[in-house]
Amino acid sequence: MAELSRREHAALYGPTVGDQVRLGDTDLWIEVEQ
C-alpha cells in the first residue's frame, strides 16, 4: 500500500484534524478540530 504525505492527502481529500488553513489573503489561520 502506498503512503501519502500530509500535503498530498490534503490536496486529494481536503484538510483533516490538526491541519491549519490560512483564510484568504489575511494573516488569520484556523486549525481543524473535528
Foldseek 3Di string as FASTA:
>chain_A
DDDDDQVRCCVVPNHDAQDWDDDPPDPDIDGDHD
